[in-house]
Amino acid sequence: MKIMICPLNGPRNISEFTYGGEFKPMPDPVNCSDAEWADYVFNTDNLAGVVREWWMHTPSSYWFLAERHTVSDEILRTFDPKELFSTRVEFSAATKEIAG
């Protein structure tokens, strides 16, 4: 049984988690082109080595980040997104600016 450590709920069976994709900086939703947004949403680097990824503990709907080695599949660490983010992006405000 593979165990992942959820920063909120502690050690859990890997079957309780949902993969959310690789972590990458989000372009400014107001000022980026459609091509830049599509690249952000649909394309991945798919690197061999240590990558940061979004994961969700499905029973609690808690999203967090993990550093995982893609060759060995070893989870090196998990951490709360607050380590990287100080504010939330409010998409409703960005959508209103785009709609004009």
Protein backbone atom coordinates (compact mmCIF):
# COMPACT_ATOMS: atom_id res chain seq x y z
CA MET A 1 0.00 0.00 0.00
CA LYS A 2 1.39 3.40 -0.99
CA ILE A 3 0.99 6.19 1.56
CA MET A 4 0.90 9.93 0.87
CA ILE A 5 1.10 12.45 3.66
CA CYS A 6 -1.66 15.02 3.40
CA PRO A 7 -0.58 18.31 5.02
CA LEU A 8 -4.08 18.66 6.53
CA ASN A 9 -5.12 15.06 7.29
CA GLY A 10 -1.83 13.21 7.79
CA PRO A 11 -0.77 9.88 6.24
CA ARG A 12 -3.42 8.34 3.96
CA ASN A 13 -3.70 5.58 1.37
CA ILE A 14 -2.83 6.94 -2.10
CA SER A 15 -6.29 5.87 -3.31
CA GLU A 16 -7.76 8.81 -1.33
CA PHE A 17 -6.01 11.35 -3.58
CA THR A 18 -6.69 12.84 -7.00
CA TYR A 19 -3.87 14.10 -9.21
CA GLY A 20 -4.38 17.70 -10.32
CA GLY A 21 -1.52 18.23 -12.76
CA GLU A 22 1.87 19.84 -12.64
CA PHE A 23 2.31 23.13 -10.86
CA LYS A 24 3.31 26.00 -13.11
CA PRO A 25 2.95 29.76 -12.83
CA MET A 26 -0.43 30.97 -14.08
CA PRO A 27 -0.40 33.73 -16.69
CA ASP A 28 -2.39 36.88 -15.96
CA PRO A 29 -5.93 35.90 -17.03
CA VAL A 30 -6.74 39.50 -18.00
CA ASN A 31 -3.68 40.26 -20.14
CA CYS A 32 -2.56 36.94 -21.63
CA SER A 33 -3.39 35.79 -25.15
CA ASP A 34 -5.67 32.86 -25.91
CA ALA A 35 -2.60 30.89 -27.03
CA GLU A 36 -0.81 31.56 -23.72
CA TRP A 37 -3.88 30.50 -21.72
CA ALA A 38 -4.33 27.34 -23.82
CA ASP A 39 -0.65 26.47 -23.31
CA TYR A 40 -1.06 26.91 -19.54
CA VAL A 41 -4.23 24.78 -19.38
CA PHE A 42 -3.45 21.96 -21.81
CA ASN A 43 0.34 21.53 -22.11
CA THR A 44 2.79 20.05 -19.62
CA ASP A 45 6.56 19.83 -19.53
CA ASN A 46 6.53 16.12 -18.55
CA LEU A 47 10.04 16.29 -17.10
CA ALA A 48 12.01 13.34 -15.77
CA GLY A 49 13.05 14.25 -12.25
CA VAL A 50 11.61 16.21 -9.35
CA VAL A 51 8.43 18.13 -10.19
CA ARG A 52 5.81 20.02 -8.19
CA GLU A 53 2.26 18.81 -8.65
CA TRP A 54 -1.23 19.66 -7.46
CA TRP A 55 -2.98 16.91 -5.49
CA MET A 56 -6.33 16.81 -3.74
CA HIS A 57 -7.31 14.73 -0.72
CA THR A 58 -10.65 13.70 -2.20
CA PRO A 59 -12.67 13.02 1.00
CA SER A 60 -11.88 16.47 2.41
CA SER A 61 -11.51 18.36 -0.93
CA TYR A 62 -8.21 19.76 0.34
CA TRP A 63 -5.81 20.86 -2.42
CA PHE A 64 -2.07 20.87 -1.73
CA LEU A 65 1.29 20.63 -3.51
CA ALA A 66 3.66 17.69 -3.64
CA GLU A 67 7.21 17.33 -4.87
CA ARG A 68 7.54 13.96 -6.59
CA HIS A 69 10.34 12.28 -8.53
CA THR A 70 8.72 11.20 -11.80
CA VAL A 71 11.21 8.40 -12.49
CA SER A 72 11.10 6.65 -9.10
CA ASP A 73 7.56 7.88 -8.22
CA GLU A 74 8.88 8.80 -4.77
CA ILE A 75 6.95 11.56 -3.01
CA LEU A 76 9.63 13.77 -1.49
CA ARG A 77 7.40 16.21 0.37
CA THR A 78 3.88 17.59 0.53
CA PHE A 79 2.99 21.09 1.63
CA ASP A 80 0.21 23.65 1.92
CA PRO A 81 -0.05 26.05 -1.05
CA LYS A 82 0.20 28.96 1.42
CA GLU A 83 3.97 28.40 1.28
CA LEU A 84 3.89 29.79 -2.27
CA PHE A 85 0.78 31.97 -2.41
CA SER A 86 -0.10 34.99 -0.31
CA THR A 87 -3.36 35.91 -2.09
CA ARG A 88 -6.14 34.24 -4.07
CA VAL A 89 -6.95 35.04 -7.68
CA GLU A 90 -10.57 36.10 -7.89
CA PHE A 91 -11.63 34.93 -11.34
CA SER A 92 -15.03 36.61 -11.13
CA ALA A 93 -13.29 40.01 -10.97
CA ALA A 94 -10.97 39.07 -13.85
CA THR A 95 -13.95 37.89 -15.90
CA LYS A 96 -15.79 41.18 -15.33
CA GLU A 97 -12.74 43.13 -16.53
CA ILE A 98 -12.53 41.02 -19.70
CA ALA A 99 -16.26 41.28 -20.42
CA GLY A 100 -16.02 45.05 -20.00
